[in-house]
Amino acid sequence: RVSRACDQCRNAREKCDANQPNCSPCLEARRICTYTSNPKKRGLQPGYIRTL
């Protein structure tokens, strides 16, 4: 399991193998493979329980 897919595979909802510098789906589709988006933090937001 890959911890993070590249931006193009995430947008196309494809299976990414996260090979550097280009993953296999991006090589086959001749896309530029980038990992620029910041990953979203998981879990509860700080102060959420306090508001309950």
N, C-alpha and C. Protein backbone atom coordinates (compact mmCIF):
# COMPACT_ATOMS: atom_id res chain seq x y z
N ARG A 1 0.84 -1.18 0.00
CA ARG A 1 0.00 0.00 0.00
C ARG A 1 0.88 1.24 0.00
N VAL A 2 0.53 2.18 -0.85
CA VAL A 2 1.30 3.42 -0.97
C VAL A 2 0.75 4.43 0.02
N SER A 3 1.64 5.12 0.72
CA SER A 3 1.18 6.08 1.70
C SER A 3 0.58 7.33 1.05
N ARG A 4 1.07 7.67 -0.14
CA ARG A 4 0.56 8.86 -0.79
C ARG A 4 0.68 8.74 -2.30
N ALA A 5 -0.42 8.98 -2.99
CA ALA A 5 -0.42 8.92 -4.46
C ALA A 5 0.01 10.28 -5.01
N CYS A 6 0.50 10.28 -6.24
CA CYS A 6 0.89 11.55 -6.87
C CYS A 6 -0.38 12.36 -7.18
N ASP A 7 -0.18 13.62 -7.49
CA ASP A 7 -1.32 14.53 -7.72
C ASP A 7 -2.19 14.07 -8.88
N GLN A 8 -1.57 13.62 -9.97
CA GLN A 8 -2.35 13.22 -11.15
C GLN A 8 -3.13 11.94 -10.89
N CYS A 9 -2.54 10.97 -10.21
CA CYS A 9 -3.26 9.73 -9.90
C CYS A 9 -4.39 10.00 -8.91
N ARG A 10 -4.17 10.92 -7.99
CA ARG A 10 -5.23 11.25 -7.03
C ARG A 10 -6.40 11.90 -7.74
N ASN A 11 -6.12 12.81 -8.68
CA ASN A 11 -7.20 13.48 -9.41
C ASN A 11 -7.94 12.51 -10.33
N ALA A 12 -7.21 11.58 -10.95
CA ALA A 12 -7.83 10.61 -11.86
C ALA A 12 -8.35 9.39 -11.11
N ARG A 13 -8.09 9.31 -9.80
CA ARG A 13 -8.49 8.20 -8.94
C ARG A 13 -7.96 6.88 -9.50
N GLU A 14 -6.65 6.87 -9.81
CA GLU A 14 -5.97 5.69 -10.32
C GLU A 14 -5.07 5.11 -9.24
N LYS A 15 -4.68 3.87 -9.43
CA LYS A 15 -3.76 3.20 -8.52
C LYS A 15 -2.35 3.72 -8.80
N CYS A 16 -1.70 4.30 -7.80
CA CYS A 16 -0.37 4.87 -7.96
C CYS A 16 0.64 3.97 -7.25
N ASP A 17 1.78 3.69 -7.91
CA ASP A 17 2.80 2.88 -7.25
C ASP A 17 3.88 3.75 -6.60
N ALA A 18 3.79 5.06 -6.73
CA ALA A 18 4.66 6.04 -6.07
C ALA A 18 6.13 5.87 -6.40
N ASN A 19 6.46 5.37 -7.59
CA ASN A 19 7.85 5.30 -8.00
C ASN A 19 8.35 6.71 -8.29
N GLN A 20 9.60 6.97 -7.94
CA GLN A 20 10.20 8.27 -8.18
C GLN A 20 11.15 8.18 -9.36
N PRO A 21 11.29 9.14 -10.24
CA PRO A 21 10.58 10.41 -10.27
C PRO A 21 9.21 10.32 -10.94
N ASN A 22 8.91 9.24 -11.67
CA ASN A 22 7.60 9.11 -12.31
C ASN A 22 7.00 7.76 -11.97
N CYS A 23 5.73 7.75 -11.61
CA CYS A 23 5.05 6.48 -11.32
C CYS A 23 4.62 5.83 -12.64
N SER A 24 4.27 4.57 -12.59
CA SER A 24 3.91 3.81 -13.80
C SER A 24 2.69 4.38 -14.53
N PRO A 25 1.58 4.71 -13.83
CA PRO A 25 0.42 5.27 -14.56
C PRO A 25 0.76 6.58 -15.28
N CYS A 26 1.60 7.42 -14.67
CA CYS A 26 1.97 8.68 -15.32
C CYS A 26 2.89 8.43 -16.52
N LEU A 27 3.77 7.44 -16.43
CA LEU A 27 4.62 7.11 -17.57
C LEU A 27 3.80 6.60 -18.74
N GLU A 28 2.82 5.75 -18.47
CA GLU A 28 1.98 5.20 -19.54
C GLU A 28 1.12 6.28 -20.19
N ALA A 29 0.61 7.21 -19.38
CA ALA A 29 -0.25 8.27 -19.91
C ALA A 29 0.56 9.49 -20.35
N ARG A 30 1.89 9.45 -20.17
CA ARG A 30 2.79 10.56 -20.51
C ARG A 30 2.38 11.84 -19.82
N ARG A 31 2.15 11.73 -18.51
CA ARG A 31 1.81 12.89 -17.69
C ARG A 31 3.02 13.27 -16.84
N ILE A 32 3.03 14.50 -16.37
CA ILE A 32 4.07 14.95 -15.45
C ILE A 32 3.67 14.51 -14.05
N CYS A 33 4.53 13.75 -13.40
CA CYS A 33 4.23 13.18 -12.09
C CYS A 33 4.73 14.14 -11.01
N THR A 34 3.82 14.68 -10.20
CA THR A 34 4.20 15.63 -9.15
C THR A 34 3.58 15.22 -7.82
N TYR A 35 4.25 15.63 -6.76
CA TYR A 35 3.80 15.36 -5.39
C TYR A 35 3.75 16.67 -4.61
N THR A 36 3.03 17.66 -5.12
CA THR A 36 3.07 18.99 -4.51
C THR A 36 1.98 19.23 -3.48
N SER A 37 0.84 18.59 -3.60
CA SER A 37 -0.26 18.86 -2.68
C SER A 37 0.10 18.43 -1.26
N ASN A 38 -0.30 19.24 -0.29
CA ASN A 38 -0.06 18.89 1.10
C ASN A 38 -1.07 17.84 1.55
N PRO A 39 -0.61 16.80 2.24
CA PRO A 39 -1.56 15.80 2.72
C PRO A 39 -2.44 16.37 3.82
N LYS A 40 -3.69 15.96 3.82
CA LYS A 40 -4.62 16.44 4.85
C LYS A 40 -4.34 15.71 6.15
N LYS A 41 -4.42 16.45 7.25
CA LYS A 41 -4.17 15.86 8.55
C LYS A 41 -5.39 15.05 8.98
N ARG A 42 -5.12 13.90 9.60
CA ARG A 42 -6.20 13.02 10.02
C ARG A 42 -6.52 13.26 11.48
N GLY A 43 -7.71 12.85 11.86
CA GLY A 43 -8.09 12.92 13.27
C GLY A 43 -8.89 14.17 13.59
N LEU A 44 -9.11 14.37 14.87
CA LEU A 44 -9.90 15.50 15.33
C LEU A 44 -9.09 16.78 15.31
N GLN A 45 -9.77 17.89 15.08
CA GLN A 45 -9.10 19.18 15.11
C GLN A 45 -8.82 19.57 16.55
N PRO A 46 -7.73 20.29 16.79
CA PRO A 46 -7.45 20.74 18.16
C PRO A 46 -8.58 21.63 18.68
N GLY A 47 -9.00 21.39 19.90
CA GLY A 47 -10.07 22.18 20.49
C GLY A 47 -11.46 21.67 20.20
N TYR A 48 -11.59 20.61 19.39
CA TYR A 48 -12.91 20.10 19.04
C TYR A 48 -13.61 19.51 20.25
N ILE A 49 -12.91 18.73 21.04
CA ILE A 49 -13.52 18.10 22.21
C ILE A 49 -13.87 19.14 23.25
N ARG A 50 -13.08 20.19 23.33
CA ARG A 50 -13.34 21.25 24.29
C ARG A 50 -14.67 21.95 23.99
N THR A 51 -15.04 22.05 22.69
CA THR A 51 -16.29 22.72 22.34
C THR A 51 -17.51 21.85 22.65
N LEU A 52 -17.29 20.55 22.80
CA LEU A 52 -18.41 19.68 23.15
C LEU A 52 -18.70 19.86 24.60
